[in-house]
């Protein structure tokens, strides 16, 4: 959802600025466009924080694998050091 909002506000901001400059619209339209660009930046930052950082592959017939991305290297080293032990109950 954040990604859709980010791209929508980005397109609206660029369109408002380009249209206002090209057709000589009032400066308030340009300010409106820059406001949308700022909202777009905020939405992209929020999306970066909430997007998935991994996925589990596999199922009942085969082994399960966890693929991670955007994680700190020390976290990966800690997981490797822990080995493939099941979590305690």
PDB file of N, CA and C in Angstrom:
ATOM      1  N   UNK A   1       0.817  -1.182   0.000  1.00  0.00           N
ATOM      2  CA  UNK A   1       0.000   0.000   0.000  1.00  0.00           C
ATOM      3  C   UNK A   1       0.871   1.260   0.000  1.00  0.00           C
ATOM      4  N   UNK A   2       1.942   1.263   0.840  1.00  0.00           N
ATOM      5  CA  UNK A   2       2.808   2.438   0.871  1.00  0.00           C
ATOM      6  C   UNK A   2       3.468   2.676  -0.483  1.00  0.00           C
ATOM      7  N   UNK A   3       3.809   1.589  -1.176  1.00  0.00           N
ATOM      8  CA  UNK A   3       4.483   1.747  -2.462  1.00  0.00           C
ATOM      9  C   UNK A   3       3.542   2.367  -3.481  1.00  0.00           C
ATOM     10  N   UNK A   4       2.286   1.964  -3.493  1.00  0.00           N
ATOM     11  CA  UNK A   4       1.319   2.544  -4.425  1.00  0.00           C
ATOM     12  C   UNK A   4       1.094   4.028  -4.135  1.00  0.00           C
ATOM     13  N   UNK A   5       0.996   4.367  -2.862  1.00  0.00           N
ATOM     14  CA  UNK A   5       0.833   5.773  -2.483  1.00  0.00           C
ATOM     15  C   UNK A   5       2.063   6.576  -2.883  1.00  0.00           C
ATOM     16  N   UNK A   6       3.249   5.991  -2.675  1.00  0.00           N
ATOM     17  CA  UNK A   6       4.487   6.697  -3.009  1.00  0.00           C
ATOM     18  C   UNK A   6       4.570   6.989  -4.499  1.00  0.00           C
ATOM     19  N   UNK A   7       4.278   5.992  -5.321  1.00  0.00           N
ATOM     20  CA  UNK A   7       4.345   6.222  -6.768  1.00  0.00           C
ATOM     21  C   UNK A   7       3.248   7.179  -7.236  1.00  0.00           C
ATOM     22  N   UNK A   8       2.076   7.101  -6.636  1.00  0.00           N
ATOM     23  CA  UNK A   8       0.993   8.010  -7.009  1.00  0.00           C
ATOM     24  C   UNK A   8       1.298   9.450  -6.676  1.00  0.00           C
ATOM     25  N   UNK A   9       1.837   9.676  -5.478  1.00  0.00           N
ATOM     26  CA  UNK A   9       2.172  11.049  -5.102  1.00  0.00           C
ATOM     27  C   UNK A   9       3.371  11.561  -5.888  1.00  0.00           C
ATOM     28  N   UNK A  10       4.299  10.683  -6.235  1.00  0.00           N
ATOM     29  CA  UNK A  10       5.435  11.091  -7.064  1.00  0.00           C
ATOM     30  C   UNK A  10       4.953  11.557  -8.436  1.00  0.00           C
ATOM     31  N   UNK A  11       4.088  10.771  -9.064  1.00  0.00           N
ATOM     32  CA  UNK A  11       3.569  11.139 -10.382  1.00  0.00           C
ATOM     33  C   UNK A  11       2.757  12.426 -10.319  1.00  0.00           C
ATOM     34  N   UNK A  12       1.935  12.576  -9.278  1.00  0.00           N
ATOM     35  CA  UNK A  12       1.125  13.791  -9.140  1.00  0.00           C
ATOM     36  C   UNK A  12       2.005  15.019  -8.932  1.00  0.00           C
ATOM     37  N   UNK A  13       3.036  14.886  -8.113  1.00  0.00           N
ATOM     38  CA  UNK A  13       3.929  16.017  -7.872  1.00  0.00           C
ATOM     39  C   UNK A  13       4.676  16.448  -9.116  1.00  0.00           C
ATOM     40  N   UNK A  14       5.213  15.479  -9.837  1.00  0.00           N
ATOM     41  CA  UNK A  14       5.943  15.813 -11.072  1.00  0.00           C
ATOM     42  C   UNK A  14       5.000  16.429 -12.096  1.00  0.00           C
ATOM     43  N   UNK A  15       3.817  15.848 -12.246  1.00  0.00           N
ATOM     44  CA  UNK A  15       2.852  16.384 -13.212  1.00  0.00           C
ATOM     45  C   UNK A  15       2.441  17.811 -12.847  1.00  0.00           C
ATOM     46  N   UNK A  16       2.226  18.074 -11.562  1.00  0.00           N
ATOM     47  CA  UNK A  16       1.831  19.424 -11.146  1.00  0.00           C
ATOM     48  C   UNK A  16       2.941  20.433 -11.422  1.00  0.00           C
ATOM     49  N   UNK A  17       4.176  20.074 -11.115  1.00  0.00           N
ATOM     50  CA  UNK A  17       5.287  21.011 -11.328  1.00  0.00           C
ATOM     51  C   UNK A  17       5.517  21.262 -12.812  1.00  0.00           C
ATOM     52  N   UNK A  18       5.562  20.203 -13.608  1.00  0.00           N
ATOM     53  CA  UNK A  18       5.808  20.357 -15.045  1.00  0.00           C
ATOM     54  C   UNK A  18       4.678  21.139 -15.708  1.00  0.00           C
ATOM     55  N   UNK A  19       3.442  20.834 -15.350  1.00  0.00           N
ATOM     56  CA  UNK A  19       2.305  21.542 -15.946  1.00  0.00           C
ATOM     57  C   UNK A  19       2.308  23.017 -15.553  1.00  0.00           C
ATOM     58  N   UNK A  20       2.605  23.297 -14.292  1.00  0.00           N
ATOM     59  CA  UNK A  20       2.587  24.688 -13.834  1.00  0.00           C
ATOM     60  C   UNK A  20       3.678  25.502 -14.511  1.00  0.00           C
ATOM     61  N   UNK A  21       4.842  24.900 -14.699  1.00  0.00           N
ATOM     62  CA  UNK A  21       5.936  25.627 -15.355  1.00  0.00           C
ATOM     63  C   UNK A  21       5.640  25.797 -16.842  1.00  0.00           C
ATOM     64  N   UNK A  22       5.163  24.741 -17.484  1.00  0.00           N
ATOM     65  CA  UNK A  22       4.937  24.793 -18.932  1.00  0.00           C
ATOM     66  C   UNK A  22       3.806  25.743 -19.310  1.00  0.00           C
ATOM     67  N   UNK A  23       2.747  25.772 -18.525  1.00  0.00           N
ATOM     68  CA  UNK A  23       1.582  26.576 -18.902  1.00  0.00           C
ATOM     69  C   UNK A  23       1.447  27.856 -18.102  1.00  0.00           C
ATOM     70  N   UNK A  24       2.417  28.175 -17.267  1.00  0.00           N
ATOM     71  CA  UNK A  24       2.395  29.435 -16.527  1.00  0.00           C
ATOM     72  C   UNK A  24       1.316  29.506 -15.466  1.00  0.00           C
ATOM     73  N   UNK A  25       1.005  28.400 -14.831  1.00  0.00           N
ATOM     74  CA  UNK A  25       0.000  28.397 -13.771  1.00  0.00           C
ATOM     75  C   UNK A  25       0.552  29.098 -12.537  1.00  0.00           C
ATOM     76  N   UNK A  26      -0.293  29.398 -11.572  1.00  0.00           N
ATOM     77  CA  UNK A  26       0.169  30.115 -10.367  1.00  0.00           C
ATOM     78  C   UNK A  26       1.217  29.317  -9.581  1.00  0.00           C
ATOM     79  N   UNK A  27       2.012  30.056  -8.805  1.00  0.00           N
ATOM     80  CA  UNK A  27       3.073  29.411  -8.041  1.00  0.00           C
ATOM     81  C   UNK A  27       2.535  28.477  -6.956  1.00  0.00           C
ATOM     82  N   UNK A  28       1.302  28.673  -6.563  1.00  0.00           N
ATOM     83  CA  UNK A  28       0.725  27.785  -5.554  1.00  0.00           C
ATOM     84  C   UNK A  28       0.630  26.348  -6.072  1.00  0.00           C
ATOM     85  N   UNK A  29       0.454  26.192  -7.377  1.00  0.00           N
ATOM     86  CA  UNK A  29       0.418  24.848  -7.973  1.00  0.00           C
ATOM     87  C   UNK A  29       1.805  24.209  -7.882  1.00  0.00           C
ATOM     88  N   UNK A  30       2.859  25.001  -8.063  1.00  0.00           N
ATOM     89  CA  UNK A  30       4.224  24.485  -7.936  1.00  0.00           C
ATOM     90  C   UNK A  30       4.479  24.056  -6.493  1.00  0.00           C
ATOM     91  N   UNK A  31       4.035  24.869  -5.536  1.00  0.00           N
ATOM     92  CA  UNK A  31       4.188  24.507  -4.127  1.00  0.00           C
ATOM     93  C   UNK A  31       3.414  23.233  -3.816  1.00  0.00           C
ATOM     94  N   UNK A  32       2.232  23.112  -4.384  1.00  0.00           N
ATOM     95  CA  UNK A  32       1.422  21.899  -4.230  1.00  0.00           C
ATOM     96  C   UNK A  32       2.191  20.685  -4.767  1.00  0.00           C
ATOM     97  N   UNK A  33       2.834  20.841  -5.919  1.00  0.00           N
ATOM     98  CA  UNK A  33       3.624  19.756  -6.503  1.00  0.00           C
ATOM     99  C   UNK A  33       4.791  19.355  -5.623  1.00  0.00           C
ATOM    100  N   UNK A  34       5.495  20.342  -5.058  1.00  0.00           N
ATOM    101  CA  UNK A  34       6.605  20.018  -4.159  1.00  0.00           C
ATOM    102  C   UNK A  34       6.102  19.370  -2.869  1.00  0.00           C
ATOM    103  N   UNK A  35       4.911  19.734  -2.434  1.00  0.00           N
ATOM    104  CA  UNK A  35       4.310  19.062  -1.277  1.00  0.00           C
ATOM    105  C   UNK A  35       4.062  17.595  -1.562  1.00  0.00           C
ATOM    106  N   UNK A  36       3.590  17.301  -2.769  1.00  0.00           N
ATOM    107  CA  UNK A  36       3.375  15.906  -3.156  1.00  0.00           C
ATOM    108  C   UNK A  36       4.700  15.157  -3.273  1.00  0.00           C
ATOM    109  N   UNK A  37       5.742  15.827  -3.743  1.00  0.00           N
ATOM    110  CA  UNK A  37       7.051  15.169  -3.790  1.00  0.00           C
ATOM    111  C   UNK A  37       7.548  14.839  -2.384  1.00  0.00           C
ATOM    112  N   UNK A  38       7.319  15.727  -1.433  1.00  0.00           N
ATOM    113  CA  UNK A  38       7.688  15.446  -0.046  1.00  0.00           C
ATOM    114  C   UNK A  38       6.889  14.289   0.527  1.00  0.00           C
ATOM    115  N   UNK A  39       5.598  14.244   0.214  1.00  0.00           N
ATOM    116  CA  UNK A  39       4.770  13.126   0.674  1.00  0.00           C
ATOM    117  C   UNK A  39       5.233  11.818   0.043  1.00  0.00           C
ATOM    118  N   UNK A  40       5.668  11.893  -1.203  1.00  0.00           N
ATOM    119  CA  UNK A  40       6.181  10.709  -1.881  1.00  0.00           C
ATOM    120  C   UNK A  40       7.435  10.197  -1.185  1.00  0.00           C
ATOM    121  N   UNK A  41       8.336  11.099  -0.833  1.00  0.00           N
ATOM    122  CA  UNK A  41       9.551  10.702  -0.120  1.00  0.00           C
ATOM    123  C   UNK A  41       9.203  10.032   1.206  1.00  0.00           C
ATOM    124  N   UNK A  42       8.271  10.610   1.949  1.00  0.00           N
ATOM    125  CA  UNK A  42       7.865  10.029   3.231  1.00  0.00           C
ATOM    126  C   UNK A  42       7.263   8.639   3.044  1.00  0.00           C
ATOM    127  N   UNK A  43       6.448   8.465   2.005  1.00  0.00           N
ATOM    128  CA  UNK A  43       5.843   7.156   1.762  1.00  0.00           C
ATOM    129  C   UNK A  43       6.896   6.125   1.372  1.00  0.00           C
ATOM    130  N   UNK A  44       7.892   6.529   0.580  1.00  0.00           N
ATOM    131  CA  UNK A  44       8.971   5.587   0.226  1.00  0.00           C
ATOM    132  C   UNK A  44       9.774   5.187   1.468  1.00  0.00           C
ATOM    133  N   UNK A  45      10.013   6.126   2.383  1.00  0.00           N
ATOM    134  CA  UNK A  45      10.740   5.804   3.616  1.00  0.00           C
ATOM    135  C   UNK A  45       9.918   4.846   4.473  1.00  0.00           C
ATOM    136  N   UNK A  46       8.626   5.084   4.593  1.00  0.00           N
ATOM    137  CA  UNK A  46       7.767   4.172   5.349  1.00  0.00           C
ATOM    138  C   UNK A  46       7.746   2.788   4.712  1.00  0.00           C
ATOM    139  N   UNK A  47       7.669   2.732   3.386  1.00  0.00           N
ATOM    140  CA  UNK A  47       7.662   1.436   2.707  1.00  0.00           C
ATOM    141  C   UNK A  47       8.962   0.683   2.953  1.00  0.00           C
ATOM    142  N   UNK A  48      10.085   1.387   2.963  1.00  0.00           N
ATOM    143  CA  UNK A  48      11.372   0.729   3.208  1.00  0.00           C
ATOM    144  C   UNK A  48      11.405   0.103   4.595  1.00  0.00           C
ATOM    145  N   UNK A  49      10.706   0.697   5.539  1.00  0.00           N
ATOM    146  CA  UNK A  49      10.680   0.158   6.887  1.00  0.00           C
ATOM    147  C   UNK A  49       9.753  -1.020   7.071  1.00  0.00           C
ATOM    148  N   UNK A  50       8.692  -1.106   6.301  1.00  0.00           N
ATOM    149  CA  UNK A  50       7.697  -2.163   6.525  1.00  0.00           C
ATOM    150  C   UNK A  50       7.714  -3.262   5.477  1.00  0.00           C
ATOM    151  N   UNK A  51       8.518  -3.125   4.443  1.00  0.00           N
ATOM    152  CA  UNK A  51       8.516  -4.165   3.410  1.00  0.00           C
ATOM    153  C   UNK A  51       9.078  -5.471   3.978  1.00  0.00           C
ATOM    154  N   UNK A  52       8.715  -6.586   3.404  1.00  0.00           N
ATOM    155  CA  UNK A  52       9.188  -7.873   3.915  1.00  0.00           C
ATOM    156  C   UNK A  52      10.711  -7.978   3.828  1.00  0.00           C
ATOM    157  N   UNK A  53      11.300  -8.612   4.826  1.00  0.00           N
ATOM    158  CA  UNK A  53      12.748  -8.794   4.863  1.00  0.00           C
ATOM    159  C   UNK A  53      13.148 -10.234   4.600  1.00  0.00           C
ATOM    160  N   UNK A  54      12.199 -11.091   4.290  1.00  0.00           N
ATOM    161  CA  UNK A  54      12.523 -12.483   4.020  1.00  0.00           C
ATOM    162  C   UNK A  54      11.285 -13.258   3.618  1.00  0.00           C
ATOM    163  N   UNK A  55      11.518 -14.505   3.218  1.00  0.00           N
ATOM    164  CA  UNK A  55      10.430 -15.375   2.812  1.00  0.00           C
ATOM    165  C   UNK A  55      10.830 -16.812   3.150  1.00  0.00           C
ATOM    166  N   UNK A  56       9.843 -17.640   3.484  1.00  0.00           N
ATOM    167  CA  UNK A  56      10.086 -19.048   3.786  1.00  0.00           C
ATOM    168  C   UNK A  56       9.648 -19.865   2.578  1.00  0.00           C
ATOM    169  N   UNK A  57      10.546 -20.700   2.081  1.00  0.00           N
ATOM    170  CA  UNK A  57      10.255 -21.565   0.939  1.00  0.00           C
ATOM    171  C   UNK A  57      10.264 -23.013   1.411  1.00  0.00           C
ATOM    172  N   UNK A  58       9.498 -23.830   0.773  1.00  0.00           N
ATOM    173  CA  UNK A  58       9.444 -25.249   1.105  1.00  0.00           C
ATOM    174  C   UNK A  58       8.062 -25.596   1.620  1.00  0.00           C
ATOM    175  N   UNK A  59       7.921 -26.811   2.049  1.00  0.00           N
ATOM    176  CA  UNK A  59       6.621 -27.216   2.533  1.00  0.00           C
ATOM    177  C   UNK A  59       6.682 -28.561   3.219  1.00  0.00           C
ATOM    178  N   UNK A  60       5.547 -29.222   3.292  1.00  0.00           N
ATOM    179  CA  UNK A  60       5.454 -30.481   4.019  1.00  0.00           C
ATOM    180  C   UNK A  60       6.228 -31.607   3.339  1.00  0.00           C
ATOM    181  N   UNK A  61       6.418 -31.529   2.040  1.00  0.00           N
ATOM    182  CA  UNK A  61       7.110 -32.613   1.335  1.00  0.00           C
ATOM    183  C   UNK A  61       8.619 -32.406   1.257  1.00  0.00           C
ATOM    184  N   UNK A  62       9.103 -31.246   1.591  1.00  0.00           N
ATOM    185  CA  UNK A  62      10.536 -30.972   1.482  1.00  0.00           C
ATOM    186  C   UNK A  62      11.020 -30.074   2.603  1.00  0.00           C
ATOM    187  N   UNK A  63      12.321 -29.824   2.638  1.00  0.00           N
ATOM    188  CA  UNK A  63      12.868 -28.966   3.697  1.00  0.00           C
ATOM    189  C   UNK A  63      12.446 -27.515   3.500  1.00  0.00           C
ATOM    190  N   UNK A  64      12.423 -26.804   4.590  1.00  0.00           N
ATOM    191  CA  UNK A  64      12.070 -25.388   4.535  1.00  0.00           C
ATOM    192  C   UNK A  64      13.344 -24.548   4.534  1.00  0.00           C
ATOM    193  N   UNK A  65      13.339 -23.516   3.724  1.00  0.00           N
ATOM    194  CA  UNK A  65      14.460 -22.590   3.639  1.00  0.00           C
ATOM    195  C   UNK A  65      13.947 -21.194   3.916  1.00  0.00           C
ATOM    196  N   UNK A  66      14.733 -20.429   4.626  1.00  0.00           N
ATOM    197  CA  UNK A  66      14.395 -19.038   4.899  1.00  0.00           C
ATOM    198  C   UNK A  66      15.374 -18.171   4.125  1.00  0.00           C
ATOM    199  N   UNK A  67      14.855 -17.362   3.226  1.00  0.00           N
ATOM    200  CA  UNK A  67      15.671 -16.423   2.462  1.00  0.00           C
ATOM    201  C   UNK A  67      15.500 -15.042   3.072  1.00  0.00           C
ATOM    202  N   UNK A  68      16.616 -14.428   3.455  1.00  0.00           N
ATOM    203  CA  UNK A  68      16.602 -13.101   4.063  1.00  0.00           C
ATOM    204  C   UNK A  68      17.346 -12.108   3.187  1.00  0.00           C
ATOM    205  N   UNK A  69      16.910 -10.861   3.209  1.00  0.00           N
ATOM    206  CA  UNK A  69      17.633  -9.790   2.540  1.00  0.00           C
ATOM    207  C   UNK A  69      17.478  -8.525   3.383  1.00  0.00           C
ATOM    208  N   UNK A  70      18.355  -7.579   3.168  1.00  0.00           N
ATOM    209  CA  UNK A  70      18.375  -6.322   3.934  1.00  0.00           C
ATOM    210  C   UNK A  70      18.529  -6.569   5.430  1.00  0.00           C
ATOM    211  N   UNK A  71      19.391  -7.513   5.805  1.00  0.00           N
ATOM    212  CA  UNK A  71      19.659  -7.747   7.221  1.00  0.00           C
ATOM    213  C   UNK A  71      21.134  -7.458   7.497  1.00  0.00           C
ATOM    214  N   UNK A  72      21.434  -7.154   8.728  1.00  0.00           N
ATOM    215  CA  UNK A  72      22.797  -6.829   9.121  1.00  0.00           C
ATOM    216  C   UNK A  72      23.674  -8.077   9.053  1.00  0.00           C
ATOM    217  N   UNK A  73      24.925  -7.963   8.589  1.00  0.00           N
ATOM    218  CA  UNK A  73      25.806  -9.138   8.491  1.00  0.00           C
ATOM    219  C   UNK A  73      26.026  -9.845   9.828  1.00  0.00           C
ATOM    220  N   UNK A  74      26.027  -9.110  10.938  1.00  0.00           N
ATOM    221  CA  UNK A  74      26.189  -9.752  12.239  1.00  0.00           C
ATOM    222  C   UNK A  74      25.002 -10.645  12.580  1.00  0.00           C
ATOM    223  N   UNK A  75      23.818 -10.282  12.113  1.00  0.00           N
ATOM    224  CA  UNK A  75      22.645 -11.131  12.322  1.00  0.00           C
ATOM    225  C   UNK A  75      22.817 -12.453  11.578  1.00  0.00           C
ATOM    226  N   UNK A  76      23.282 -12.362  10.357  1.00  0.00           N
ATOM    227  CA  UNK A  76      23.513 -13.577   9.564  1.00  0.00           C
ATOM    228  C   UNK A  76      24.575 -14.440  10.231  1.00  0.00           C
ATOM    229  N   UNK A  77      25.650 -13.836  10.711  1.00  0.00           N
ATOM    230  CA  UNK A  77      26.708 -14.596  11.388  1.00  0.00           C
ATOM    231  C   UNK A  77      26.169 -15.266  12.649  1.00  0.00           C
ATOM    232  N   UNK A  78      25.299 -14.600  13.382  1.00  0.00           N
ATOM    233  CA  UNK A  78      24.694 -15.188  14.575  1.00  0.00           C
ATOM    234  C   UNK A  78      23.807 -16.371  14.252  1.00  0.00           C
ATOM    235  N   UNK A  79      23.069 -16.273  13.166  1.00  0.00           N
ATOM    236  CA  UNK A  79      22.202 -17.384  12.755  1.00  0.00           C
ATOM    237  C   UNK A  79      23.048 -18.568  12.326  1.00  0.00           C
ATOM    238  N   UNK A  80      24.119 -18.325  11.588  1.00  0.00           N
ATOM    239  CA  UNK A  80      25.005 -19.412  11.158  1.00  0.00           C
ATOM    240  C   UNK A  80      25.655 -20.065  12.367  1.00  0.00           C
ATOM    241  N   UNK A  81      26.079 -19.276  13.344  1.00  0.00           N
ATOM    242  CA  UNK A  81      26.706 -19.829  14.540  1.00  0.00           C
ATOM    243  C   UNK A  81      25.727 -20.667  15.353  1.00  0.00           C
ATOM    244  N   UNK A  82      24.468 -20.321  15.304  1.00  0.00           N
ATOM    245  CA  UNK A  82      23.434 -21.053  16.036  1.00  0.00           C
ATOM    246  C   UNK A  82      23.198 -22.430  15.427  1.00  0.00           C
ATOM    247  N   UNK A  83      23.439 -22.576  14.147  1.00  0.00           N
ATOM    248  CA  UNK A  83      23.246 -23.862  13.472  1.00  0.00           C
ATOM    249  C   UNK A  83      21.788 -24.084  13.124  1.00  0.00           C
ATOM    250  N   UNK A  84      21.457 -25.319  12.794  1.00  0.00           N
ATOM    251  CA  UNK A  84      20.094 -25.642  12.383  1.00  0.00           C
ATOM    252  C   UNK A  84      19.350 -26.339  13.514  1.00  0.00           C
ATOM    253  N   UNK A  85      19.428 -25.782  14.698  1.00  0.00           N
ATOM    254  CA  UNK A  85      18.722 -26.355  15.844  1.00  0.00           C
ATOM    255  C   UNK A  85      17.309 -25.819  15.876  1.00  0.00           C
ATOM    256  N   UNK A  86      16.365 -26.672  16.237  1.00  0.00           N
ATOM    257  CA  UNK A  86      14.993 -26.171  16.366  1.00  0.00           C
ATOM    258  C   UNK A  86      14.880 -25.224  17.556  1.00  0.00           C
ATOM    259  N   UNK A  87      13.981 -24.276  17.502  1.00  0.00           N
ATOM    260  CA  UNK A  87      13.830 -23.351  18.618  1.00  0.00           C
ATOM    261  C   UNK A  87      13.306 -24.072  19.859  1.00  0.00           C
ATOM    262  N   UNK A  88      13.691 -23.625  21.063  1.00  0.00           N
ATOM    263  CA  UNK A  88      13.183 -24.263  22.284  1.00  0.00           C
ATOM    264  C   UNK A  88      11.704 -23.960  22.481  1.00  0.00           C
ATOM    265  N   UNK A  89      11.003 -24.887  23.085  1.00  0.00           N
ATOM    266  CA  UNK A  89       9.557 -24.689  23.324  1.00  0.00           C
ATOM    267  C   UNK A  89       9.305 -24.012  24.625  1.00  0.00           C
TER     268      UNK A  89
END
